[in-house]
C-alpha atoms as a PDB file:
ATOM      1  CA  MET A   1     -19.519  30.000  61.614  1.00  0.00           C
ATOM      2  CA  SER A   2     -20.185  33.529  60.803  1.00  0.00           C
ATOM      3  CA  SER A   3     -20.524  34.766  57.154  1.00  0.00           C
ATOM      4  CA  GLN A   4     -18.610  38.168  57.897  1.00  0.00           C
ATOM      5  CA  SER A   5     -15.161  38.481  57.157  1.00  0.00           C
ATOM      6  CA  CYS A   6     -12.741  38.895  60.104  1.00  0.00           C
ATOM      7  CA  TYR A   7     -11.858  42.610  60.263  1.00  0.00           C
ATOM      8  CA  PRO A   8     -13.697  43.897  57.468  1.00  0.00           C
ATOM      9  CA  ASP A   9     -11.992  47.254  57.385  1.00  0.00           C
ATOM     10  CA  LYS A  10      -8.627  45.448  56.745  1.00  0.00           C
ATOM     11  CA  ALA A  11      -9.949  43.164  53.826  1.00  0.00           C
ATOM     12  CA  PRO A  12      -8.667  45.379  51.016  1.00  0.00           C
ATOM     13  CA  GLN A  13      -5.178  45.578  52.476  1.00  0.00           C
ATOM     14  CA  VAL A  14      -4.900  41.946  53.181  1.00  0.00           C
ATOM     15  CA  SER A  15      -6.256  41.088  49.667  1.00  0.00           C
ATOM     16  CA  GLN A  16      -3.800  43.434  48.195  1.00  0.00           C
ATOM     17  CA  LEU A  17      -0.844  41.941  49.890  1.00  0.00           C
ATOM     18  CA  LEU A  18      -1.871  38.285  49.299  1.00  0.00           C
ATOM     19  CA  ASP A  19      -2.155  39.334  45.642  1.00  0.00           C
ATOM     20  CA  VAL A  20       1.078  40.963  45.678  1.00  0.00           C
ATOM     21  CA  LEU A  21       2.910  38.078  47.315  1.00  0.00           C
ATOM     22  CA  SER A  22       0.928  35.458  45.439  1.00  0.00           C
ATOM     23  CA  HIS A  23       3.433  34.787  42.803  1.00  0.00           C
ATOM     24  CA  THR A  24       6.858  33.205  43.390  1.00  0.00           C
ATOM     25  CA  VAL A  25       8.831  35.748  41.101  1.00  0.00           C
ATOM     26  CA  ARG A  26       7.522  38.556  43.328  1.00  0.00           C
ATOM     27  CA  ARG A  27       8.346  36.845  46.529  1.00  0.00           C
ATOM     28  CA  GLU A  28      11.906  36.165  45.313  1.00  0.00           C
ATOM     29  CA  ILE A  29      11.931  40.054  44.386  1.00  0.00           C
ATOM     30  CA  VAL A  30      10.944  40.897  48.009  1.00  0.00           C
ATOM     31  CA  HIS A  31      13.269  38.392  49.484  1.00  0.00           C
ATOM     32  CA  PHE A  32      16.053  39.408  47.554  1.00  0.00           C
ATOM     33  CA  PHE A  33      16.036  43.124  48.597  1.00  0.00           C
ATOM     34  CA  GLU A  34      15.016  42.150  52.083  1.00  0.00           C
ATOM     35  CA  ASN A  35      18.091  39.378  52.693  1.00  0.00           C
ATOM     36  CA  TYR A  36      20.629  39.640  49.904  1.00  0.00           C
ATOM     37  CA  THR A  37      21.491  43.179  49.119  1.00  0.00           C
ATOM     38  CA  ASP A  38      22.203  46.198  51.315  1.00  0.00           C
ATOM     39  CA  SER A  39      21.413  48.458  48.515  1.00  0.00           C
ATOM     40  CA  GLN A  40      17.754  49.794  47.880  1.00  0.00           C
ATOM     41  CA  THR A  41      18.576  50.049  44.269  1.00  0.00           C
ATOM     42  CA  VAL A  42      20.022  47.315  41.952  1.00  0.00           C
ATOM     43  CA  SER A  43      20.272  47.005  38.266  1.00  0.00           C
ATOM     44  CA  PHE A  44      17.693  44.625  36.249  1.00  0.00           C
ATOM     45  CA  ASP A  45      20.397  42.338  35.257  1.00  0.00           C
ATOM     46  CA  LYS A  46      21.497  41.559  38.853  1.00  0.00           C
ATOM     47  CA  LEU A  47      17.834  40.902  39.743  1.00  0.00           C
ATOM     48  CA  VAL A  48      17.533  38.537  37.016  1.00  0.00           C
ATOM     49  CA  SER A  49      20.691  36.693  37.826  1.00  0.00           C
ATOM     50  CA  HIS A  50      19.713  36.439  41.239  1.00  0.00           C
ATOM     51  CA  ILE A  51      16.047  34.784  40.576  1.00  0.00           C
ATOM     52  CA  GLY A  52      17.515  32.875  37.774  1.00  0.00           C
ATOM     53  CA  ARG A  53      19.593  30.964  40.335  1.00  0.00           C
ATOM     54  CA  ARG A  54      16.752  30.915  43.001  1.00  0.00           C
ATOM     55  CA  ILE A  55      14.178  29.151  40.448  1.00  0.00           C
ATOM     56  CA  PRO A  56      15.900  26.605  38.599  1.00  0.00           C
ATOM     57  CA  GLY A  57      14.542  25.905  35.097  1.00  0.00           C
ATOM     58  CA  MET A  58      13.022  29.330  34.536  1.00  0.00           C
ATOM     59  CA  ARG A  59      14.191  30.388  31.270  1.00  0.00           C
ATOM     60  CA  LYS A  60      16.072  33.930  31.248  1.00  0.00           C
ATOM     61  CA  GLY A  61      14.047  35.369  28.682  1.00  0.00           C
ATOM     62  CA  GLU A  62      10.807  34.236  30.145  1.00  0.00           C
ATOM     63  CA  LEU A  63      11.905  35.779  33.464  1.00  0.00           C
ATOM     64  CA  GLU A  64      12.689  39.044  31.914  1.00  0.00           C
ATOM     65  CA  VAL A  65       9.735  39.410  30.039  1.00  0.00           C
ATOM     66  CA  GLY A  66       7.631  38.349  33.234  1.00  0.00           C
ATOM     67  CA  LEU A  67       9.558  40.924  35.428  1.00  0.00           C
ATOM     68  CA  VAL A  68       9.225  43.866  32.748  1.00  0.00           C
ATOM     69  CA  HIS A  69       5.442  43.516  31.912  1.00  0.00           C
ATOM     70  CA  THR A  70       4.085  41.564  35.094  1.00  0.00           C
ATOM     71  CA  HIS A  71       5.940  41.583  38.236  1.00  0.00           C
ATOM     72  CA  LEU A  72       7.695  44.800  38.587  1.00  0.00           C
ATOM     73  CA  PRO A  73       4.695  46.980  37.298  1.00  0.00           C
ATOM     74  CA  LYS A  74       2.470  45.390  39.970  1.00  0.00           C
ATOM     75  CA  LEU A  75       5.219  45.640  42.731  1.00  0.00           C
ATOM     76  CA  ALA A  76       5.405  49.332  41.607  1.00  0.00           C
ATOM     77  CA  HIS A  77       1.694  49.966  41.402  1.00  0.00           C
ATOM     78  CA  THR A  78       1.483  48.956  44.948  1.00  0.00           C
ATOM     79  CA  GLY A  79       4.066  51.117  46.133  1.00  0.00           C
ATOM     80  CA  TRP A  80       6.830  48.333  46.723  1.00  0.00           C
ATOM     81  CA  LEU A  81       9.530  49.584  44.308  1.00  0.00           C
ATOM     82  CA  ASP A  82      10.142  51.908  41.348  1.00  0.00           C
ATOM     83  CA  TYR A  83      11.498  50.600  37.939  1.00  0.00           C
ATOM     84  CA  ASP A  84      13.204  53.001  35.675  1.00  0.00           C
ATOM     85  CA  ARG A  85      12.955  51.124  32.269  1.00  0.00           C
ATOM     86  CA  ARG A  86      15.393  53.877  30.635  1.00  0.00           C
ATOM     87  CA  THR A  87      18.478  52.989  33.318  1.00  0.00           C
ATOM     88  CA  ASP A  88      17.259  49.336  34.043  1.00  0.00           C
ATOM     89  CA  GLU A  89      17.380  50.437  37.780  1.00  0.00           C
ATOM     90  CA  ILE A  90      15.033  49.069  40.369  1.00  0.00           C
ATOM     91  CA  ARG A  91      14.676  51.073  43.647  1.00  0.00           C
ATOM     92  CA  TYR A  92      12.901  49.076  46.548  1.00  0.00           C
ATOM     93  CA  HIS A  93      10.672  50.798  48.988  1.00  0.00           C
ATOM     94  CA  GLY A  94       9.527  47.460  50.520  1.00  0.00           C
ATOM     95  CA  HIS A  95       7.080  47.182  53.469  1.00  0.00           C
ATOM     96  CA  ASP A  96       7.886  47.397  57.203  1.00  0.00           C
ATOM     97  CA  ASN A  97       6.666  43.874  57.698  1.00  0.00           C
ATOM     98  CA  ALA A  98       7.495  42.183  54.266  1.00  0.00           C
ATOM     99  CA  GLU A  99      10.062  39.784  55.403  1.00  0.00           C
ATOM    100  CA  ALA A 100       7.997  38.630  58.428  1.00  0.00           C
ATOM    101  CA  TRP A 101       5.062  38.042  56.199  1.00  0.00           C
ATOM    102  CA  LEU A 102       7.156  36.016  53.671  1.00  0.00           C
ATOM    103  CA  ARG A 103       8.538  33.866  56.820  1.00  0.00           C
ATOM    104  CA  ASP A 104       4.937  33.420  57.875  1.00  0.00           C
ATOM    105  CA  LEU A 105       3.569  32.466  54.537  1.00  0.00           C
ATOM    106  CA  HIS A 106       6.586  29.847  53.838  1.00  0.00           C
ATOM    107  CA  VAL A 107       5.721  28.222  57.221  1.00  0.00           C
ATOM    108  CA  VAL A 108       2.015  28.012  56.636  1.00  0.00           C
ATOM    109  CA  PHE A 109       2.626  26.455  53.048  1.00  0.00           C
ATOM    110  CA  SER A 110       5.652  24.318  53.600  1.00  0.00           C
ATOM    111  CA  ASP A 111       5.777  20.554  54.755  1.00  0.00           C
ATOM    112  CA  GLY A 112       6.785  21.793  58.233  1.00  0.00           C
ATOM    113  CA  ALA A 113       3.842  23.862  58.549  1.00  0.00           C
ATOM    114  CA  GLY A 114       3.477  25.357  62.168  1.00  0.00           C
ATOM    115  CA  ARG A 115       6.944  24.373  63.176  1.00  0.00           C
ATOM    116  CA  GLY A 116       9.033  27.179  61.952  1.00  0.00           C
ATOM    117  CA  SER A 117      10.838  25.302  59.403  1.00  0.00           C
ATOM    118  CA  GLY A 118      12.412  28.393  57.850  1.00  0.00           C
ATOM    119  CA  GLY A 119      14.496  27.828  54.666  1.00  0.00           C
ATOM    120  CA  THR A 120      14.006  29.251  51.206  1.00  0.00           C
ATOM    121  CA  VAL A 121      11.085  31.124  50.286  1.00  0.00           C
ATOM    122  CA  GLN A 122       8.940  29.374  47.749  1.00  0.00           C
END
């Protein structure tokens, strides 16, 4: 096997994408905008409420701190969304292939790997 990367010109974009989607909360943010709302802008509280239902056992305070200090800034830095802390509004820009990538990642890492099992994004 060659020690060279496949598509070395794409490595930075692939690494960034995997980093962005590497955490459950960030995947849930993308999943929320891609599947649960017709609006590109939602309130912070609405997003917290949705993610809280999707990730049982996560404390609300822990989720809020993580969103404000880690997950929303990371998604904002990579251009997926904007978060206005003054108004507590999140505006999603997304990515053309976001939902397809999430679905593919779910299939790869689920018990039904390779069988297109669908279901909840993990």
